[in-house]
Amino acid sequence: MNFGVDQVKAAVIAIDFHRGHMDLSVATMPVKTQAQADRVLGHASKLFAWCREQGWPIIHMVTTYRDVPEIRSNPFWRTRADDPHATRKNVERHNLKGSPGCTVMPQVMGANDWVVDTKKRYDCFVGTDLDFTLKAHGINTLIITGVNTNSCVLSTVAAACSKDYAVIVPSDCVDTMDDPALHDAALLCIRTALGFVMTSAEVMALEALKTS
């Protein structure tokens, strides 16, 4: 399969697979059910293991705030904190530094994985050294996974496309705490204009991604 690069050199971007979304016992902005979390983490765990065998780095992007002003500096987020019906109503308590939510879920964390814990906005490139890290290691293709499909994943995919990375989104390794229709809509936007969408099984079957 042609991804538009001469030779694929890939990395996995794992967006917010942390307890703040995925462990309903402590999550401040949880996905709807633990079964949903376990399902996407299960698919991601298998994909990540395969990617490690190919020598691709796994980069965990973890939202972490020093304090509430870092959160409230976003105008829209301030309105969510004031709306008791919003899925992001707990935004001002979400993943403050030192809280349990800032821990990557163990199902997807490998001993040699990389962690970038300075993510503070939907777009993983904003305010982090992600782009520097990727370019320093010659990465040209991103396998983007995580939550939420319709916010952080979509924003990061759009940014990656604009930075001229080839983008692959495994559809069963992304999900949302919002309406499932928004997950589907985000994937439609991605496959139409931003990158390639396929299942994790299809990713692992791609000859272009195999290094041995």
N, C-alpha and C. Protein backbone atom coordinates (compact mmCIF):
# COMPACT_ATOMS: atom_id res chain seq x y z
N MET A 1 0.85 -1.19 0.00
CA MET A 1 0.00 0.00 0.00
C MET A 1 0.88 1.24 0.00
N ASN A 2 0.53 2.22 -0.79
CA ASN A 2 1.30 3.44 -0.92
C ASN A 2 0.82 4.50 0.07
N PHE A 3 1.71 4.89 0.98
CA PHE A 3 1.36 5.93 1.96
C PHE A 3 1.94 7.29 1.57
N GLY A 4 2.55 7.37 0.38
CA GLY A 4 3.05 8.65 -0.09
C GLY A 4 4.44 9.00 0.38
N VAL A 5 5.12 8.07 1.05
CA VAL A 5 6.50 8.30 1.47
C VAL A 5 7.39 7.26 0.78
N ASP A 6 8.64 7.61 0.55
CA ASP A 6 9.54 6.71 -0.18
C ASP A 6 9.77 5.42 0.58
N GLN A 7 10.02 5.53 1.88
CA GLN A 7 10.21 4.37 2.74
C GLN A 7 9.61 4.67 4.09
N VAL A 8 8.69 3.86 4.52
CA VAL A 8 7.99 4.11 5.78
C VAL A 8 8.94 3.97 6.96
N LYS A 9 8.96 5.03 7.79
CA LYS A 9 9.61 4.95 9.09
C LYS A 9 8.59 5.47 10.09
N ALA A 10 8.00 4.56 10.84
CA ALA A 10 6.78 4.87 11.60
C ALA A 10 7.04 4.99 13.10
N ALA A 11 6.11 5.67 13.73
CA ALA A 11 6.02 5.72 15.20
C ALA A 11 4.54 5.67 15.55
N VAL A 12 4.24 5.13 16.71
CA VAL A 12 2.88 5.11 17.24
C VAL A 12 2.70 6.30 18.18
N ILE A 13 1.62 7.04 17.98
CA ILE A 13 1.24 8.10 18.91
C ILE A 13 0.03 7.59 19.69
N ALA A 14 0.19 7.42 20.99
CA ALA A 14 -0.89 6.92 21.86
C ALA A 14 -1.41 8.10 22.67
N ILE A 15 -2.58 8.59 22.31
CA ILE A 15 -3.09 9.83 22.89
C ILE A 15 -4.00 9.54 24.09
N ASP A 16 -3.55 9.96 25.25
CA ASP A 16 -4.38 9.96 26.47
C ASP A 16 -4.96 8.60 26.83
N PHE A 17 -4.17 7.56 26.64
CA PHE A 17 -4.55 6.25 27.17
C PHE A 17 -4.15 6.20 28.64
N HIS A 18 -4.67 7.15 29.40
CA HIS A 18 -4.33 7.28 30.82
C HIS A 18 -5.57 7.00 31.67
N ARG A 19 -5.35 6.92 32.96
CA ARG A 19 -6.44 6.58 33.88
C ARG A 19 -7.51 7.67 33.93
N GLY A 20 -7.14 8.90 33.57
CA GLY A 20 -8.10 9.99 33.57
C GLY A 20 -9.24 9.82 32.60
N HIS A 21 -9.04 8.98 31.58
CA HIS A 21 -10.11 8.62 30.65
C HIS A 21 -10.53 7.15 30.76
N MET A 22 -9.55 6.27 31.01
CA MET A 22 -9.74 4.85 30.74
C MET A 22 -9.95 3.98 31.99
N ASP A 23 -9.74 4.52 33.17
CA ASP A 23 -9.96 3.78 34.41
C ASP A 23 -11.13 4.43 35.14
N LEU A 24 -12.30 3.84 35.01
CA LEU A 24 -13.51 4.47 35.52
C LEU A 24 -13.54 4.60 37.04
N SER A 25 -12.62 3.95 37.74
CA SER A 25 -12.59 4.08 39.19
C SER A 25 -12.01 5.43 39.63
N VAL A 26 -11.24 6.08 38.75
CA VAL A 26 -10.64 7.37 39.11
C VAL A 26 -10.83 8.44 38.03
N ALA A 27 -11.33 8.06 36.86
CA ALA A 27 -11.37 8.98 35.71
C ALA A 27 -12.23 10.21 35.99
N THR A 28 -11.70 11.37 35.62
CA THR A 28 -12.46 12.62 35.72
C THR A 28 -13.23 12.90 34.43
N MET A 29 -12.76 12.34 33.32
CA MET A 29 -13.48 12.42 32.04
C MET A 29 -13.51 11.03 31.42
N PRO A 30 -14.33 10.14 31.98
CA PRO A 30 -14.30 8.74 31.56
C PRO A 30 -15.01 8.49 30.24
N VAL A 31 -14.53 7.44 29.53
CA VAL A 31 -15.35 6.89 28.46
C VAL A 31 -16.60 6.30 29.10
N LYS A 32 -17.56 5.92 28.29
CA LYS A 32 -18.88 5.60 28.83
C LYS A 32 -18.90 4.37 29.73
N THR A 33 -18.14 3.33 29.39
CA THR A 33 -18.14 2.10 30.19
C THR A 33 -16.73 1.55 30.28
N GLN A 34 -16.46 0.76 31.31
CA GLN A 34 -15.16 0.11 31.40
C GLN A 34 -14.98 -0.90 30.28
N ALA A 35 -16.08 -1.53 29.85
CA ALA A 35 -16.00 -2.48 28.73
C ALA A 35 -15.51 -1.78 27.47
N GLN A 36 -15.97 -0.55 27.25
CA GLN A 36 -15.50 0.22 26.11
C GLN A 36 -14.01 0.49 26.23
N ALA A 37 -13.58 0.92 27.41
CA ALA A 37 -12.16 1.18 27.64
C ALA A 37 -11.33 -0.08 27.43
N ASP A 38 -11.79 -1.19 27.99
CA ASP A 38 -11.04 -2.45 27.88
C ASP A 38 -10.95 -2.91 26.42
N ARG A 39 -12.01 -2.67 25.66
CA ARG A 39 -12.03 -3.09 24.26
C ARG A 39 -10.95 -2.35 23.44
N VAL A 40 -10.94 -1.03 23.55
CA VAL A 40 -9.98 -0.26 22.76
C VAL A 40 -8.56 -0.49 23.26
N LEU A 41 -8.38 -0.62 24.59
CA LEU A 41 -7.05 -0.90 25.13
C LEU A 41 -6.56 -2.28 24.69
N GLY A 42 -7.48 -3.24 24.59
CA GLY A 42 -7.10 -4.57 24.14
C GLY A 42 -6.58 -4.58 22.71
N HIS A 43 -7.30 -3.88 21.83
CA HIS A 43 -6.84 -3.77 20.44
C HIS A 43 -5.51 -3.04 20.37
N ALA A 44 -5.40 -1.96 21.12
CA ALA A 44 -4.16 -1.17 21.11
C ALA A 44 -2.98 -1.97 21.64
N SER A 45 -3.21 -2.73 22.70
CA SER A 45 -2.14 -3.53 23.29
C SER A 45 -1.55 -4.51 22.27
N LYS A 46 -2.42 -5.17 21.51
CA LYS A 46 -1.95 -6.11 20.49
C LYS A 46 -1.19 -5.38 19.37
N LEU A 47 -1.73 -4.25 18.95
CA LEU A 47 -1.06 -3.48 17.90
C LEU A 47 0.30 -2.96 18.37
N PHE A 48 0.35 -2.45 19.60
CA PHE A 48 1.60 -1.90 20.11
C PHE A 48 2.67 -2.99 20.21
N ALA A 49 2.27 -4.18 20.64
CA ALA A 49 3.23 -5.29 20.73
C ALA A 49 3.82 -5.59 19.36
N TRP A 50 2.97 -5.59 18.35
CA TRP A 50 3.44 -5.83 16.98
C TRP A 50 4.36 -4.71 16.52
N CYS A 51 4.00 -3.48 16.81
CA CYS A 51 4.82 -2.33 16.40
C CYS A 51 6.19 -2.36 17.08
N ARG A 52 6.21 -2.77 18.35
CA ARG A 52 7.50 -2.88 19.03
C ARG A 52 8.39 -3.92 18.33
N GLU A 53 7.78 -4.99 17.84
CA GLU A 53 8.55 -6.01 17.10
C GLU A 53 9.13 -5.43 15.82
N GLN A 54 8.46 -4.46 15.22
CA GLN A 54 8.96 -3.82 14.01
C GLN A 54 10.03 -2.77 14.31
N GLY A 55 10.21 -2.46 15.60
CA GLY A 55 11.17 -1.44 15.99
C GLY A 55 10.61 -0.04 15.99
N TRP A 56 9.28 0.09 15.87
CA TRP A 56 8.67 1.42 15.89
C TRP A 56 8.51 1.90 17.33
N PRO A 57 8.89 3.14 17.64
CA PRO A 57 8.67 3.66 18.99
C PRO A 57 7.19 3.88 19.29
N ILE A 58 6.81 3.67 20.53
CA ILE A 58 5.47 3.97 21.02
C ILE A 58 5.60 5.23 21.88
N ILE A 59 4.91 6.29 21.50
CA ILE A 59 5.01 7.56 22.20
C ILE A 59 3.67 7.86 22.88
N HIS A 60 3.66 7.83 24.20
CA HIS A 60 2.44 8.10 24.96
C HIS A 60 2.33 9.59 25.24
N MET A 61 1.27 10.19 24.76
CA MET A 61 0.99 11.59 25.01
C MET A 61 0.00 11.67 26.17
N VAL A 62 0.42 12.30 27.27
CA VAL A 62 -0.39 12.30 28.49
C VAL A 62 -0.73 13.74 28.87
N THR A 63 -2.01 14.07 28.89
CA THR A 63 -2.45 15.39 29.32
C THR A 63 -2.12 15.58 30.80
N THR A 64 -1.41 16.66 31.12
CA THR A 64 -1.05 16.97 32.50
C THR A 64 -1.02 18.48 32.68
N TYR A 65 -1.75 18.97 33.68
CA TYR A 65 -1.79 20.41 33.96
C TYR A 65 -1.14 20.70 35.30
N ARG A 66 -0.39 21.81 35.37
CA ARG A 66 0.18 22.24 36.64
C ARG A 66 -0.89 22.71 37.61
N ASP A 67 -1.87 23.44 37.04
CA ASP A 67 -2.90 24.04 37.89
C ASP A 67 -4.13 24.36 37.05
N VAL A 68 -5.18 24.81 37.71
CA VAL A 68 -6.45 25.11 37.03
C VAL A 68 -6.32 26.25 36.03
N PRO A 69 -5.54 27.32 36.29
CA PRO A 69 -5.41 28.38 35.29
C PRO A 69 -4.93 27.89 33.93
N GLU A 70 -4.09 26.84 33.90
CA GLU A 70 -3.67 26.30 32.61
C GLU A 70 -4.84 25.72 31.84
N ILE A 71 -5.82 25.22 32.55
CA ILE A 71 -7.03 24.68 31.91
C ILE A 71 -7.96 25.81 31.51
N ARG A 72 -8.22 26.72 32.44
CA ARG A 72 -9.21 27.77 32.22
C ARG A 72 -8.75 28.85 31.23
N SER A 73 -7.50 28.80 30.80
CA SER A 73 -7.07 29.75 29.79
C SER A 73 -7.70 29.47 28.43
N ASN A 74 -8.33 28.31 28.29
CA ASN A 74 -9.09 28.01 27.07
C ASN A 74 -10.54 28.47 27.24
N PRO A 75 -11.00 29.42 26.42
CA PRO A 75 -12.34 29.98 26.62
C PRO A 75 -13.46 28.95 26.55
N PHE A 76 -13.40 28.05 25.58
CA PHE A 76 -14.49 27.08 25.45
C PHE A 76 -14.53 26.15 26.64
N TRP A 77 -13.37 25.73 27.13
CA TRP A 77 -13.34 24.82 28.27
C TRP A 77 -13.95 25.46 29.50
N ARG A 78 -13.79 26.76 29.65
CA ARG A 78 -14.41 27.44 30.79
C ARG A 78 -15.93 27.27 30.75
N THR A 79 -16.51 27.28 29.55
CA THR A 79 -17.96 27.13 29.44
C THR A 79 -18.38 25.70 29.76
N ARG A 80 -17.52 24.72 29.49
CA ARG A 80 -17.87 23.32 29.79
C ARG A 80 -17.93 23.11 31.30
N ALA A 81 -17.03 23.75 32.02
CA ALA A 81 -17.01 23.60 33.48
C ALA A 81 -18.28 24.15 34.12
N ASP A 82 -18.96 25.04 33.42
CA ASP A 82 -20.18 25.65 33.94
C ASP A 82 -21.45 24.93 33.48
N ASP A 83 -21.29 23.86 32.68
CA ASP A 83 -22.44 23.13 32.14
C ASP A 83 -22.51 21.74 32.77
N PRO A 84 -23.46 21.49 33.68
CA PRO A 84 -23.51 20.20 34.38
C PRO A 84 -23.83 19.02 33.47
N HIS A 85 -24.29 19.29 32.24
CA HIS A 85 -24.65 18.21 31.31
C HIS A 85 -23.53 17.90 30.31
N ALA A 86 -22.47 18.68 30.31
CA ALA A 86 -21.39 18.51 29.34
C ALA A 86 -20.53 17.30 29.70
N THR A 87 -20.07 16.56 28.68
CA THR A 87 -19.17 15.43 28.95
C THR A 87 -17.85 15.93 29.53
N ARG A 88 -17.52 17.20 29.30
CA ARG A 88 -16.28 17.78 29.82
C ARG A 88 -16.52 18.68 31.03
N LYS A 89 -17.57 18.41 31.77
CA LYS A 89 -17.92 19.25 32.92
C LYS A 89 -16.86 19.22 34.01
N ASN A 90 -16.06 18.16 34.05
CA ASN A 90 -15.00 18.05 35.07
C ASN A 90 -13.65 18.56 34.57
N VAL A 91 -13.68 19.36 33.52
CA VAL A 91 -12.43 19.77 32.89
C VAL A 91 -11.46 20.43 33.86
N GLU A 92 -11.97 21.17 34.85
CA GLU A 92 -11.08 21.87 35.77
C GLU A 92 -10.44 20.94 36.80
N ARG A 93 -10.90 19.70 36.88
CA ARG A 93 -10.29 18.71 37.78
C ARG A 93 -9.52 17.64 37.02
N HIS A 94 -9.50 17.76 35.70
CA HIS A 94 -8.98 16.69 34.86
C HIS A 94 -7.45 16.71 34.78
N ASN A 95 -6.85 15.61 35.20
CA ASN A 95 -5.42 15.36 35.04
C ASN A 95 -4.52 16.49 35.54
N LEU A 96 -4.86 16.98 36.72
CA LEU A 96 -3.93 17.89 37.40
C LEU A 96 -2.70 17.09 37.84
N LYS A 97 -1.54 17.70 37.76
CA LYS A 97 -0.29 17.02 38.06
C LYS A 97 -0.35 16.33 39.42
N GLY A 98 0.06 15.07 39.44
CA GLY A 98 0.06 14.29 40.68
C GLY A 98 -1.21 13.49 40.90
N SER A 99 -2.24 13.72 40.10
CA SER A 99 -3.48 12.96 40.26
C SER A 99 -3.36 11.60 39.60
N PRO A 100 -4.16 10.62 40.04
CA PRO A 100 -4.06 9.27 39.47
C PRO A 100 -4.33 9.21 37.98
N GLY A 101 -5.12 10.17 37.48
CA GLY A 101 -5.47 10.16 36.06
C GLY A 101 -4.31 10.32 35.13
N CYS A 102 -3.18 10.82 35.62
CA CYS A 102 -2.03 11.10 34.77
C CYS A 102 -1.18 9.86 34.49
N THR A 103 -1.59 8.71 34.97
CA THR A 103 -0.84 7.46 34.79
C THR A 103 -1.32 6.73 33.54
N VAL A 104 -0.38 6.32 32.69
CA VAL A 104 -0.72 5.53 31.50
C VAL A 104 -1.25 4.16 31.94
N MET A 105 -2.29 3.69 31.26
CA MET A 105 -2.84 2.38 31.58
C MET A 105 -1.80 1.29 31.34
N PRO A 106 -1.63 0.35 32.28
CA PRO A 106 -0.56 -0.64 32.17
C PRO A 106 -0.70 -1.58 30.98
N GLN A 107 -1.93 -1.77 30.49
CA GLN A 107 -2.14 -2.68 29.35
C GLN A 107 -1.37 -2.25 28.11
N VAL A 108 -1.11 -0.94 28.00
CA VAL A 108 -0.50 -0.43 26.76
C VAL A 108 0.89 0.15 26.98
N MET A 109 1.38 0.13 28.21
CA MET A 109 2.66 0.74 28.52
C MET A 109 3.77 -0.29 28.46
N GLY A 110 4.77 -0.03 27.62
CA GLY A 110 5.93 -0.91 27.53
C GLY A 110 7.12 -0.32 28.23
N ALA A 111 8.06 -1.17 28.61
CA ALA A 111 9.22 -0.74 29.39
C ALA A 111 10.06 0.31 28.66
N ASN A 112 10.10 0.21 27.33
CA ASN A 112 10.94 1.12 26.56
C ASN A 112 10.14 2.16 25.79
N ASP A 113 8.85 2.27 26.09
CA ASP A 113 8.04 3.29 25.44
C ASP A 113 8.47 4.68 25.90
N TRP A 114 8.18 5.67 25.08
CA TRP A 114 8.47 7.05 25.41
C TRP A 114 7.20 7.71 25.95
N VAL A 115 7.37 8.67 26.85
CA VAL A 115 6.24 9.40 27.42
C VAL A 115 6.48 10.90 27.24
N VAL A 116 5.48 11.59 26.70
CA VAL A 116 5.48 13.05 26.65
C VAL A 116 4.29 13.51 27.50
N ASP A 117 4.58 14.12 28.66
CA ASP A 117 3.51 14.45 29.60
C ASP A 117 3.29 15.96 29.73
N THR A 118 3.60 16.68 28.64
CA THR A 118 3.37 18.13 28.64
C THR A 118 2.20 18.52 27.72
N LYS A 119 1.39 17.55 27.34
CA LYS A 119 0.22 17.83 26.50
C LYS A 119 -0.83 18.58 27.31
N LYS A 120 -1.28 19.70 26.78
CA LYS A 120 -2.27 20.51 27.49
C LYS A 120 -3.45 20.92 26.60
N ARG A 121 -3.40 20.56 25.33
CA ARG A 121 -4.47 20.90 24.40
C ARG A 121 -4.76 19.70 23.51
N TYR A 122 -5.84 19.78 22.74
CA TYR A 122 -6.23 18.65 21.90
C TYR A 122 -5.12 18.24 20.94
N ASP A 123 -4.51 19.21 20.30
CA ASP A 123 -3.44 18.96 19.33
C ASP A 123 -2.16 18.58 20.09
N CYS A 124 -1.68 17.36 19.88
CA CYS A 124 -0.52 16.86 20.63
C CYS A 124 0.77 17.60 20.30
N PHE A 125 0.79 18.37 19.22
CA PHE A 125 2.00 19.10 18.86
C PHE A 125 2.12 20.42 19.61
N VAL A 126 1.00 20.93 20.12
CA VAL A 126 1.01 22.25 20.78
C VAL A 126 1.66 22.15 22.16
N GLY A 127 2.73 22.92 22.36
CA GLY A 127 3.35 22.99 23.68
C GLY A 127 4.14 21.77 24.09
N THR A 128 4.41 20.85 23.17
CA THR A 128 5.19 19.66 23.48
C THR A 128 6.40 19.57 22.55
N ASP A 129 7.30 18.63 22.83
CA ASP A 129 8.45 18.43 21.95
C ASP A 129 8.21 17.28 20.97
N LEU A 130 6.96 16.94 20.72
CA LEU A 130 6.64 15.80 19.87
C LEU A 130 7.25 15.94 18.47
N ASP A 131 7.05 17.08 17.83
CA ASP A 131 7.55 17.25 16.46
C ASP A 131 9.08 17.15 16.44
N PHE A 132 9.75 17.76 17.40
CA PHE A 132 11.20 17.66 17.49
C PHE A 132 11.64 16.21 17.63
N THR A 133 10.98 15.47 18.51
CA THR A 133 11.33 14.07 18.75
C THR A 133 11.16 13.23 17.49
N LEU A 134 10.05 13.43 16.79
CA LEU A 134 9.81 12.67 15.57
C LEU A 134 10.85 12.97 14.50
N LYS A 135 11.12 14.25 14.29
CA LYS A 135 12.09 14.63 13.25
C LYS A 135 13.50 14.18 13.62
N ALA A 136 13.84 14.24 14.91
CA ALA A 136 15.17 13.80 15.35
C ALA A 136 15.40 12.32 15.06
N HIS A 137 14.32 11.55 15.00
CA HIS A 137 14.44 10.11 14.76
C HIS A 137 14.01 9.72 13.34
N GLY A 138 13.85 10.72 12.47
CA GLY A 138 13.57 10.44 11.07
C GLY A 138 12.20 9.86 10.78
N ILE A 139 11.26 10.08 11.68
CA ILE A 139 9.91 9.51 11.52
C ILE A 139 9.15 10.27 10.44
N ASN A 140 8.51 9.53 9.53
CA ASN A 140 7.70 10.16 8.49
C ASN A 140 6.25 9.68 8.46
N THR A 141 5.95 8.67 9.28
CA THR A 141 4.62 8.05 9.27
C THR A 141 4.15 7.86 10.71
N LEU A 142 2.93 8.31 11.00
CA LEU A 142 2.40 8.22 12.36
C LEU A 142 1.19 7.30 12.38
N ILE A 143 1.21 6.33 13.29
CA ILE A 143 0.07 5.48 13.57
C ILE A 143 -0.58 6.08 14.81
N ILE A 144 -1.70 6.77 14.63
CA ILE A 144 -2.29 7.56 15.71
C ILE A 144 -3.45 6.82 16.35
N THR A 145 -3.35 6.64 17.66
CA THR A 145 -4.35 5.91 18.44
C THR A 145 -4.77 6.77 19.63
N GLY A 146 -5.85 6.36 20.32
CA GLY A 146 -6.20 7.02 21.57
C GLY A 146 -7.59 7.59 21.63
N VAL A 147 -7.79 8.50 22.56
CA VAL A 147 -9.07 9.17 22.80
C VAL A 147 -8.82 10.67 22.98
N ASN A 148 -9.83 11.44 22.63
CA ASN A 148 -11.10 11.10 22.01
C ASN A 148 -10.99 11.26 20.49
N THR A 149 -11.66 10.37 19.75
CA THR A 149 -11.57 10.41 18.30
C THR A 149 -11.92 11.77 17.74
N ASN A 150 -12.96 12.40 18.30
CA ASN A 150 -13.50 13.64 17.76
C ASN A 150 -12.87 14.90 18.34
N SER A 151 -11.87 14.76 19.20
CA SER A 151 -11.19 15.95 19.73
C SER A 151 -9.68 15.79 19.58
N CYS A 152 -9.02 15.12 20.52
CA CYS A 152 -7.57 15.03 20.49
C CYS A 152 -7.04 14.26 19.28
N VAL A 153 -7.69 13.16 18.94
CA VAL A 153 -7.23 12.38 17.79
C VAL A 153 -7.40 13.19 16.51
N LEU A 154 -8.59 13.73 16.30
CA LEU A 154 -8.85 14.50 15.08
C LEU A 154 -7.92 15.71 14.98
N SER A 155 -7.75 16.44 16.07
CA SER A 155 -6.89 17.63 16.06
C SER A 155 -5.45 17.26 15.75
N THR A 156 -4.97 16.18 16.34
CA THR A 156 -3.58 15.76 16.12
C THR A 156 -3.38 15.24 14.71
N VAL A 157 -4.35 14.50 14.20
CA VAL A 157 -4.26 14.02 12.82
C VAL A 157 -4.20 15.20 11.85
N ALA A 158 -5.05 16.19 12.06
CA ALA A 158 -5.06 17.36 11.18
C ALA A 158 -3.72 18.08 11.22
N ALA A 159 -3.17 18.23 12.42
CA ALA A 159 -1.87 18.89 12.56
C ALA A 159 -0.77 18.08 11.90
N ALA A 160 -0.80 16.76 12.10
CA ALA A 160 0.23 15.89 11.51
C ALA A 160 0.18 15.95 9.99
N CYS A 161 -1.02 15.95 9.44
CA CYS A 161 -1.18 16.06 7.99
C CYS A 161 -0.59 17.37 7.48
N SER A 162 -0.86 18.46 8.20
CA SER A 162 -0.34 19.77 7.80
C SER A 162 1.17 19.86 7.95
N LYS A 163 1.75 19.01 8.81
CA LYS A 163 3.20 18.97 8.96
C LYS A 163 3.83 17.94 8.03
N ASP A 164 3.03 17.38 7.14
CA ASP A 164 3.50 16.47 6.08
C ASP A 164 3.95 15.11 6.59
N TYR A 165 3.36 14.64 7.69
CA TYR A 165 3.50 13.24 8.06
C TYR A 165 2.43 12.42 7.35
N ALA A 166 2.77 11.19 6.96
CA ALA A 166 1.73 10.24 6.56
C ALA A 166 1.04 9.76 7.83
N VAL A 167 -0.28 9.65 7.79
CA VAL A 167 -1.05 9.33 8.99
C VAL A 167 -1.90 8.08 8.75
N ILE A 168 -1.84 7.16 9.71
CA ILE A 168 -2.68 5.97 9.72
C ILE A 168 -3.43 5.95 11.04
N VAL A 169 -4.74 5.77 10.99
CA VAL A 169 -5.55 5.69 12.21
C VAL A 169 -6.22 4.31 12.26
N PRO A 170 -5.82 3.45 13.19
CA PRO A 170 -6.51 2.17 13.37
C PRO A 170 -7.86 2.42 14.05
N SER A 171 -8.93 2.12 13.34
CA SER A 171 -10.27 2.52 13.79
C SER A 171 -10.70 1.86 15.09
N ASP A 172 -10.14 0.69 15.41
CA ASP A 172 -10.50 0.01 16.67
C ASP A 172 -9.55 0.35 17.81
N CYS A 173 -8.61 1.26 17.56
CA CYS A 173 -7.68 1.72 18.60
C CYS A 173 -7.91 3.18 18.94
N VAL A 174 -9.06 3.70 18.53
CA VAL A 174 -9.49 5.04 18.92
C VAL A 174 -10.94 4.94 19.38
N ASP A 175 -11.34 5.85 20.28
CA ASP A 175 -12.72 5.85 20.75
C ASP A 175 -13.01 7.19 21.41
N THR A 176 -14.25 7.34 21.88
CA THR A 176 -14.65 8.63 22.44
C THR A 176 -15.55 8.46 23.65
N MET A 177 -15.51 9.45 24.53
CA MET A 177 -16.44 9.51 25.65
C MET A 177 -17.73 10.22 25.24
N ASP A 178 -17.75 10.76 24.02
CA ASP A 178 -18.92 11.47 23.51
C ASP A 178 -19.82 10.51 22.73
N ASP A 179 -20.76 11.05 22.00
CA ASP A 179 -21.69 10.23 21.22
C ASP A 179 -20.92 9.40 20.19
N PRO A 180 -21.25 8.11 20.04
CA PRO A 180 -20.56 7.29 19.04
C PRO A 180 -20.63 7.86 17.62
N ALA A 181 -21.68 8.62 17.33
CA ALA A 181 -21.79 9.23 16.00
C ALA A 181 -20.64 10.20 15.74
N LEU A 182 -20.12 10.81 16.80
CA LEU A 182 -19.00 11.73 16.64
C LEU A 182 -17.70 10.98 16.36
N HIS A 183 -17.55 9.79 16.92
CA HIS A 183 -16.43 8.90 16.58
C HIS A 183 -16.47 8.59 15.09
N ASP A 184 -17.64 8.20 14.60
CA ASP A 184 -17.78 7.86 13.18
C ASP A 184 -17.54 9.07 12.29
N ALA A 185 -18.04 10.23 12.70
CA ALA A 185 -17.87 11.44 11.91
C ALA A 185 -16.40 11.84 11.83
N ALA A 186 -15.69 11.70 12.95
CA ALA A 186 -14.26 12.04 12.96
C ALA A 186 -13.47 11.12 12.02
N LEU A 187 -13.79 9.83 12.05
CA LEU A 187 -13.11 8.90 11.16
C LEU A 187 -13.41 9.23 9.70
N LEU A 188 -14.64 9.65 9.42
CA LEU A 188 -14.99 10.03 8.06
C LEU A 188 -14.19 11.25 7.61
N CYS A 189 -14.06 12.24 8.49
CA CYS A 189 -13.24 13.43 8.17
C CYS A 189 -11.80 13.02 7.88
N ILE A 190 -11.27 12.12 8.71
CA ILE A 190 -9.88 11.71 8.56
C ILE A 190 -9.67 10.99 7.23
N ARG A 191 -10.51 9.99 6.93
CA ARG A 191 -10.28 9.20 5.72
C ARG A 191 -10.55 10.01 4.46
N THR A 192 -11.35 11.05 4.57
CA THR A 192 -11.67 11.87 3.40
C THR A 192 -10.54 12.83 3.05
N ALA A 193 -9.89 13.41 4.06
CA ALA A 193 -9.00 14.53 3.77
C ALA A 193 -7.65 14.50 4.48
N LEU A 194 -7.45 13.59 5.44
CA LEU A 194 -6.28 13.74 6.31
C LEU A 194 -5.36 12.53 6.39
N GLY A 195 -5.90 11.32 6.25
CA GLY A 195 -5.06 10.15 6.41
C GLY A 195 -5.80 8.87 6.12
N PHE A 196 -5.15 7.77 6.43
CA PHE A 196 -5.68 6.44 6.14
C PHE A 196 -6.34 5.85 7.38
N VAL A 197 -7.52 5.27 7.21
CA VAL A 197 -8.26 4.64 8.31
C VAL A 197 -8.44 3.17 7.97
N MET A 198 -8.06 2.31 8.90
CA MET A 198 -8.20 0.86 8.73
C MET A 198 -8.20 0.23 10.11
N THR A 199 -8.51 -1.05 10.19
CA THR A 199 -8.48 -1.73 11.49
C THR A 199 -7.04 -2.04 11.89
N SER A 200 -6.85 -2.35 13.16
CA SER A 200 -5.51 -2.72 13.62
C SER A 200 -5.03 -3.99 12.93
N ALA A 201 -5.93 -4.93 12.68
CA ALA A 201 -5.55 -6.16 11.97
C ALA A 201 -5.06 -5.84 10.57
N GLU A 202 -5.71 -4.90 9.91
CA GLU A 202 -5.27 -4.50 8.57
C GLU A 202 -3.92 -3.80 8.62
N VAL A 203 -3.69 -3.01 9.65
CA VAL A 203 -2.38 -2.37 9.80
C VAL A 203 -1.29 -3.43 9.93
N MET A 204 -1.53 -4.43 10.77
CA MET A 204 -0.51 -5.45 11.02
C MET A 204 -0.28 -6.36 9.82
N ALA A 205 -1.21 -6.35 8.87
CA ALA A 205 -1.07 -7.16 7.67
C ALA A 205 -0.35 -6.41 6.54
N LEU A 206 -0.03 -5.14 6.72
CA LEU A 206 0.55 -4.33 5.66
C LEU A 206 2.03 -4.68 5.46
N GLU A 207 2.37 -5.10 4.26
CA GLU A 207 3.76 -5.41 3.95
C GLU A 207 4.64 -4.17 4.06
N ALA A 208 4.09 -3.00 3.74
CA ALA A 208 4.86 -1.76 3.78
C ALA A 208 5.35 -1.40 5.16
N LEU A 209 4.72 -1.97 6.19
CA LEU A 209 5.10 -1.66 7.57
C LEU A 209 5.98 -2.73 8.21
N LYS A 210 6.20 -3.83 7.51
CA LYS A 210 6.96 -4.91 8.09
C LYS A 210 8.45 -4.71 7.82
N THR A 211 9.24 -4.85 8.88
CA THR A 211 10.68 -4.62 8.76
C THR A 211 11.48 -5.91 8.71
N SER A 212 10.80 -7.04 8.84
CA SER A 212 11.53 -8.32 8.77
C SER A 212 10.62 -9.39 8.21
